[in-house]
Amino acid sequence: MTTQANNKNKSNSFKISEQVKSILHNRGLSKVFNYNDYNYFKELCKSAFNKAQAIADKFTEEHEQESELNEYIF
């Protein structure tokens, strides 16, 4: 792997969209992420302290019933 490829992989984790994807994945909502909603929620949460968490919360509020974890019996 080249140095440029390594640097690109390292910088992705700092993007807000990647953080939101990670949070949604942990909540079992990775399939609901799309950039149209992301940009809308990003505009709504622009004054939030933790933007990634606030955007992920908006996704969760919008798509509570669609969790991938609802399919499993615990």
N, C-alpha and C. Protein backbone atom coordinates (compact mmCIF):
# COMPACT_ATOMS: atom_id res chain seq x y z
N MET A 1 0.83 -1.18 0.00
CA MET A 1 0.00 0.00 0.00
C MET A 1 0.88 1.24 0.00
N THR A 2 0.44 2.24 -0.68
CA THR A 2 1.21 3.47 -0.73
C THR A 2 0.89 4.34 0.48
N THR A 3 1.75 5.30 0.71
CA THR A 3 1.54 6.22 1.83
C THR A 3 0.25 7.02 1.64
N GLN A 4 -0.02 7.40 0.42
CA GLN A 4 -1.23 8.16 0.14
C GLN A 4 -2.48 7.35 0.46
N ALA A 5 -2.49 6.09 0.13
CA ALA A 5 -3.64 5.23 0.43
C ALA A 5 -3.80 5.07 1.94
N ASN A 6 -2.69 4.93 2.65
CA ASN A 6 -2.76 4.82 4.11
C ASN A 6 -3.30 6.09 4.74
N ASN A 7 -2.87 7.24 4.26
CA ASN A 7 -3.34 8.51 4.80
C ASN A 7 -4.81 8.72 4.52
N LYS A 8 -5.28 8.29 3.37
CA LYS A 8 -6.69 8.45 3.03
C LYS A 8 -7.56 7.63 3.99
N ASN A 9 -7.16 6.40 4.29
CA ASN A 9 -7.92 5.56 5.22
C ASN A 9 -7.94 6.15 6.62
N LYS A 10 -6.87 6.76 7.04
CA LYS A 10 -6.81 7.34 8.38
C LYS A 10 -7.70 8.58 8.50
N SER A 11 -7.80 9.36 7.46
CA SER A 11 -8.55 10.61 7.54
C SER A 11 -10.06 10.39 7.46
N ASN A 12 -10.51 9.25 6.95
CA ASN A 12 -11.95 9.01 6.82
C ASN A 12 -12.65 8.93 8.16
N SER A 13 -11.99 8.45 9.19
CA SER A 13 -12.65 8.28 10.48
C SER A 13 -12.95 9.62 11.14
N PHE A 14 -12.36 10.69 10.67
CA PHE A 14 -12.62 12.00 11.25
C PHE A 14 -13.76 12.74 10.57
N LYS A 15 -14.21 12.24 9.44
CA LYS A 15 -15.34 12.87 8.77
C LYS A 15 -16.60 12.63 9.57
N ILE A 16 -17.44 13.65 9.64
CA ILE A 16 -18.68 13.53 10.40
C ILE A 16 -19.56 12.43 9.82
N SER A 17 -19.60 12.33 8.50
CA SER A 17 -20.44 11.31 7.88
C SER A 17 -19.99 9.91 8.27
N GLU A 18 -18.68 9.69 8.37
CA GLU A 18 -18.17 8.38 8.77
C GLU A 18 -18.49 8.09 10.24
N GLN A 19 -18.43 9.12 11.07
CA GLN A 19 -18.78 8.95 12.48
C GLN A 19 -20.26 8.61 12.62
N VAL A 20 -21.10 9.28 11.83
CA VAL A 20 -22.54 9.01 11.87
C VAL A 20 -22.81 7.58 11.42
N LYS A 21 -22.15 7.15 10.35
CA LYS A 21 -22.31 5.77 9.87
C LYS A 21 -21.93 4.77 10.96
N SER A 22 -20.85 5.04 11.67
CA SER A 22 -20.39 4.16 12.73
C SER A 22 -21.41 4.09 13.87
N ILE A 23 -21.94 5.23 14.27
CA ILE A 23 -22.94 5.26 15.33
C ILE A 23 -24.19 4.50 14.91
N LEU A 24 -24.63 4.73 13.68
CA LEU A 24 -25.82 4.03 13.19
C LEU A 24 -25.58 2.53 13.09
N HIS A 25 -24.39 2.14 12.70
CA HIS A 25 -24.05 0.72 12.63
C HIS A 25 -24.16 0.08 14.01
N ASN A 26 -23.66 0.78 15.02
CA ASN A 26 -23.73 0.26 16.39
C ASN A 26 -25.17 0.15 16.88
N ARG A 27 -26.04 0.99 16.37
CA ARG A 27 -27.45 0.97 16.76
C ARG A 27 -28.27 0.01 15.90
N GLY A 28 -27.67 -0.58 14.90
CA GLY A 28 -28.39 -1.50 14.02
C GLY A 28 -29.18 -0.78 12.95
N LEU A 29 -28.78 0.44 12.60
CA LEU A 29 -29.50 1.23 11.61
C LEU A 29 -28.61 1.62 10.44
N SER A 30 -27.63 0.82 10.14
CA SER A 30 -26.69 1.20 9.08
C SER A 30 -27.34 1.30 7.71
N LYS A 31 -28.43 0.57 7.49
CA LYS A 31 -29.06 0.57 6.17
C LYS A 31 -29.87 1.84 5.90
N VAL A 32 -30.15 2.65 6.90
CA VAL A 32 -30.98 3.84 6.70
C VAL A 32 -30.17 5.08 6.32
N PHE A 33 -28.83 5.00 6.38
CA PHE A 33 -28.01 6.16 6.07
C PHE A 33 -28.08 6.47 4.58
N ASN A 34 -28.37 7.73 4.27
CA ASN A 34 -28.25 8.24 2.91
C ASN A 34 -27.84 9.70 2.98
N TYR A 35 -27.20 10.17 1.94
CA TYR A 35 -26.63 11.50 1.98
C TYR A 35 -27.67 12.62 1.88
N ASN A 36 -28.83 12.36 1.31
CA ASN A 36 -29.87 13.38 1.28
C ASN A 36 -30.35 13.70 2.69
N ASP A 37 -30.68 12.66 3.46
CA ASP A 37 -31.08 12.86 4.85
C ASP A 37 -29.93 13.40 5.67
N TYR A 38 -28.73 12.89 5.42
CA TYR A 38 -27.55 13.34 6.16
C TYR A 38 -27.36 14.85 6.01
N ASN A 39 -27.44 15.35 4.78
CA ASN A 39 -27.27 16.79 4.56
C ASN A 39 -28.38 17.60 5.21
N TYR A 40 -29.60 17.08 5.19
CA TYR A 40 -30.72 17.76 5.84
C TYR A 40 -30.51 17.82 7.36
N PHE A 41 -30.17 16.69 7.95
CA PHE A 41 -29.95 16.63 9.39
C PHE A 41 -28.72 17.43 9.80
N LYS A 42 -27.72 17.45 8.94
CA LYS A 42 -26.51 18.22 9.22
C LYS A 42 -26.84 19.71 9.33
N GLU A 43 -27.72 20.18 8.47
CA GLU A 43 -28.14 21.58 8.52
C GLU A 43 -28.93 21.86 9.81
N LEU A 44 -29.77 20.91 10.22
CA LEU A 44 -30.56 21.08 11.44
C LEU A 44 -29.67 21.09 12.69
N CYS A 45 -28.59 20.35 12.65
CA CYS A 45 -27.74 20.16 13.83
C CYS A 45 -26.45 20.97 13.77
N LYS A 46 -26.40 22.00 12.97
CA LYS A 46 -25.14 22.72 12.79
C LYS A 46 -24.66 23.43 14.05
N SER A 47 -25.54 23.68 15.01
CA SER A 47 -25.12 24.34 16.24
C SER A 47 -24.88 23.37 17.39
N ALA A 48 -25.02 22.08 17.13
CA ALA A 48 -24.83 21.06 18.18
C ALA A 48 -23.36 20.93 18.54
N PHE A 49 -23.10 20.60 19.80
CA PHE A 49 -21.72 20.41 20.25
C PHE A 49 -21.10 19.19 19.58
N ASN A 50 -21.78 18.05 19.63
CA ASN A 50 -21.32 16.83 18.99
C ASN A 50 -22.22 16.58 17.79
N LYS A 51 -21.81 17.07 16.65
CA LYS A 51 -22.65 17.01 15.45
C LYS A 51 -22.94 15.58 15.02
N ALA A 52 -21.95 14.72 15.07
CA ALA A 52 -22.15 13.33 14.63
C ALA A 52 -23.22 12.66 15.49
N GLN A 53 -23.16 12.85 16.79
CA GLN A 53 -24.14 12.24 17.69
C GLN A 53 -25.53 12.82 17.45
N ALA A 54 -25.61 14.13 17.26
CA ALA A 54 -26.90 14.77 17.03
C ALA A 54 -27.53 14.31 15.72
N ILE A 55 -26.72 14.18 14.67
CA ILE A 55 -27.23 13.72 13.38
C ILE A 55 -27.68 12.27 13.49
N ALA A 56 -26.90 11.45 14.17
CA ALA A 56 -27.28 10.04 14.36
C ALA A 56 -28.58 9.94 15.16
N ASP A 57 -28.76 10.82 16.14
CA ASP A 57 -30.02 10.83 16.90
C ASP A 57 -31.20 11.17 16.01
N LYS A 58 -31.01 12.09 15.08
CA LYS A 58 -32.08 12.45 14.13
C LYS A 58 -32.43 11.25 13.24
N PHE A 59 -31.42 10.55 12.76
CA PHE A 59 -31.66 9.34 11.97
C PHE A 59 -32.44 8.31 12.79
N THR A 60 -32.05 8.17 14.05
CA THR A 60 -32.70 7.19 14.93
C THR A 60 -34.15 7.56 15.16
N GLU A 61 -34.43 8.84 15.40
CA GLU A 61 -35.81 9.29 15.59
C GLU A 61 -36.64 9.02 14.34
N GLU A 62 -36.06 9.24 13.20
CA GLU A 62 -36.77 9.10 11.92
C GLU A 62 -37.05 7.63 11.58
N HIS A 63 -36.13 6.75 11.95
CA HIS A 63 -36.20 5.35 11.49
C HIS A 63 -36.17 4.35 12.64
N GLU A 64 -36.82 4.65 13.75
CA GLU A 64 -36.79 3.77 14.91
C GLU A 64 -37.28 2.36 14.61
N GLN A 65 -38.31 2.23 13.81
CA GLN A 65 -38.93 0.93 13.56
C GLN A 65 -38.13 0.07 12.58
N GLU A 66 -37.13 0.62 11.92
CA GLU A 66 -36.41 -0.10 10.88
C GLU A 66 -35.10 -0.72 11.37
N SER A 67 -34.88 -0.81 12.65
CA SER A 67 -33.63 -1.33 13.18
C SER A 67 -33.40 -2.78 12.76
N GLU A 68 -32.18 -3.08 12.37
CA GLU A 68 -31.81 -4.44 11.99
C GLU A 68 -31.84 -5.37 13.20
N LEU A 69 -31.73 -4.81 14.39
CA LEU A 69 -31.72 -5.62 15.59
C LEU A 69 -33.11 -6.07 15.99
N ASN A 70 -34.16 -5.48 15.43
CA ASN A 70 -35.53 -5.88 15.74
C ASN A 70 -35.85 -7.28 15.21
N GLU A 71 -35.08 -7.75 14.25
CA GLU A 71 -35.34 -9.05 13.64
C GLU A 71 -34.88 -10.21 14.53
N TYR A 72 -34.07 -9.93 15.54
CA TYR A 72 -33.52 -10.98 16.38
C TYR A 72 -34.35 -11.15 17.64
N ILE A 73 -34.43 -12.39 18.10
CA ILE A 73 -35.10 -12.68 19.35
C ILE A 73 -34.04 -12.77 20.42
N PHE A 74 -34.19 -11.96 21.48
CA PHE A 74 -33.21 -11.96 22.57
C PHE A 74 -33.72 -12.73 23.74
